[in-house]
Every structure is written in C-alpha cells, then in structure tokens.
Amino acid sequence: MKIVQAYCIVTCPGRNFVTLKIITDAGVYGIGDATLNGREKSVVAYLEDHVIPCIIGRDPHQIEDIWQYLYKGAYWRRGPVTMSAIAAVDTALWDIKAKVAGLPLYQLLGGKSRSAVMVYGHANGNDLAEAVDAVGRYFELGYRAVRAQAGVPGLVTAYGVAKGKLFYEPATKGQPEDQVWSTEKYIDFVPKLFEAIRDKHGFDFHLLHDVHHRLTPIEAARVGKSLEPYRLFWMEDPTPAENQEALRLIRSHTTTPIAIGGIQHYPRLPRPHRKSAHRLCPHHRGPHRRHFALAEDRRAR
C-alpha cells in the first residue's frame, strides 16, 4: 500500500478549521486535524509545500518511520506550525491503519481503560457574579468539571473571558488584542472568585483555572497557595513551561496541582513535567502516546 494523494481542507464559517486527508492506492483514506488557532493558513502552507511532497509514495503503515522522517529530516524542528502539520499526518496514518485492520483505533492502542472521559467547560464572565452564574449553567448542561475565568476589577479585558456566553476562543483570528495587565489586581481578585464559586456551588465538582503564563514564579506560588482552600483540579500554565526551575519553585510552595503543556510543542516532555507538574494538558501538536506513557511513569495525569 502506498500514499498517492494528500490535500488540505480549510472550512467553517467565521474561522478556519484545517483537516488533512491522506489517500492510498487501495482507496483507503485517513484524516487528521491540522488546526492551529489563529495561524491556520501557516500550517496549510507548511503541509502543502514541505510535508505532502515528502509522503507521496510512502507506505502509510510505517507511521513511526514517517514521523521520525518529518521531524528529524528537516533542518528546522519543533514550533507550533511544524508540530501541527506532523501531528495531522500522524493522526491520518493511524486512521488508515485502523480502517485496514477493521478495528476502532483505540483497540490498536491497547483497548479501552475507562467507561467514560471527563471533560470540562469554559465558564467565564465580565465580573465575579457573571462567572459564578456561568459555572452554574455548565452544571445544568451536565459538566462535572469547569474552568472558571473572570474579568478583573480595574482592568478592561482579561484572558479567558469570552465575547459570548459559552463559546471561548483563546487564539482569535486577525491581529492580537492589546490588553492592559495588573498582576497585583489579579492576585488580589482570583481567590475571591473561587471562594464565591465554592460558596454558591459547593465542592462536589472539579474547578480549573488558567493563569496563562502571566506571573513570575514567586507570584504564581502565592496564587497557588491562596487557592489551596478551594481544591482546584489544576492551575494551568502559571509560568512558561520551558522555565523548568520556575515550576520547581512553584511546586515547593503550594499543593495546588499544576497543569502544563497547553501551548507546548515538544516531541518529548521537557524535564519540569517529570517532577514539577501534576497534570498534562497537551494540544494536538505532538505525539501524545509518548507524553502519556511518560506521565504515567512520573505519577502525573
């Protein structure tokens, strides 16, 4: 079996979603997601100019060999555009393999280990009251885990606050939005937000929060410490993941679980994940089978 054709599908009103379709000479095809929020067309160009020509004529069953070739064969490595493109190829090839085998893909990867998967909703509001009410609406929809973000008093805009009631897009299309930021106002406000949520909705569900790399290590440690009474499922990206010593410092000062990896694009996990993070939350830009195996060995989730 050989790959004879591959092309990108860019579609959806309002914003772009990118799907890679790989077709074999046996008529079997696979699809993989190549969407990179806010930079979708960059991945399309990378796939069309630098990836698709390299996989035509190759055996689609040699998934690992193709991944290594696309990653190590190029002079420039890593980066969100490159890893989004490689991940799309990887996913499409696994789709082909599952179809040829006549099995759901999860069976080829060891079978089911859970009867269900917990997901979380993005609750947010322009102020504390709106955010608390938004958390309640997600409960009504059946969610048992909710990420809460809110506008900070004294600031016009804040990360994680959507322009609509439910839909939230962290990487908007077009030019980046200018935002005025105050670390002091944020640090003073965020414990009040989660205190209000727990007071109204109780502790019988998971709460999450995204800091989005906006704090210094010691500031992040203060926030984590202040949130301990509210038992967060995770505090996401308190500092940039590439700063390993920062994560270690935060971990030494707070028991609030740290999640890391949302915008990472490493093919292997960097060292901070091994000792300093409790949760991994990778997007589609890398080989997550490797990530999850390493996380299990290091007692991370």
Foldseek 3Di string as FASTA:
>chain_A
DAWADKAWDWDDPPATWIKIWIADPVGFIFIFTLDDFQCRVLLRCCCVPPNGVVRGGHDLQPLVVSLCCQAVVDPDHWDQSSLSNSLGSSRTSLRRVCVVVVHPSCVVVPHDPDPDDADEFQAEEQALVRSLVLVVVVVVVPHQEYETDYHFPPWPDDQSHDPDGGDDDRRHYDDDDDTDDDLVSCLVCPLVSLVVNCVVPNQRGAYEYELPQPDFLVSLLSSQASCVVSQHPEYECPHAQVPLVSLVSSQVRHPHAYEYADRGQDQARDDSLLARHQEYDHDSSYDVVRVVVSCVVSNHD
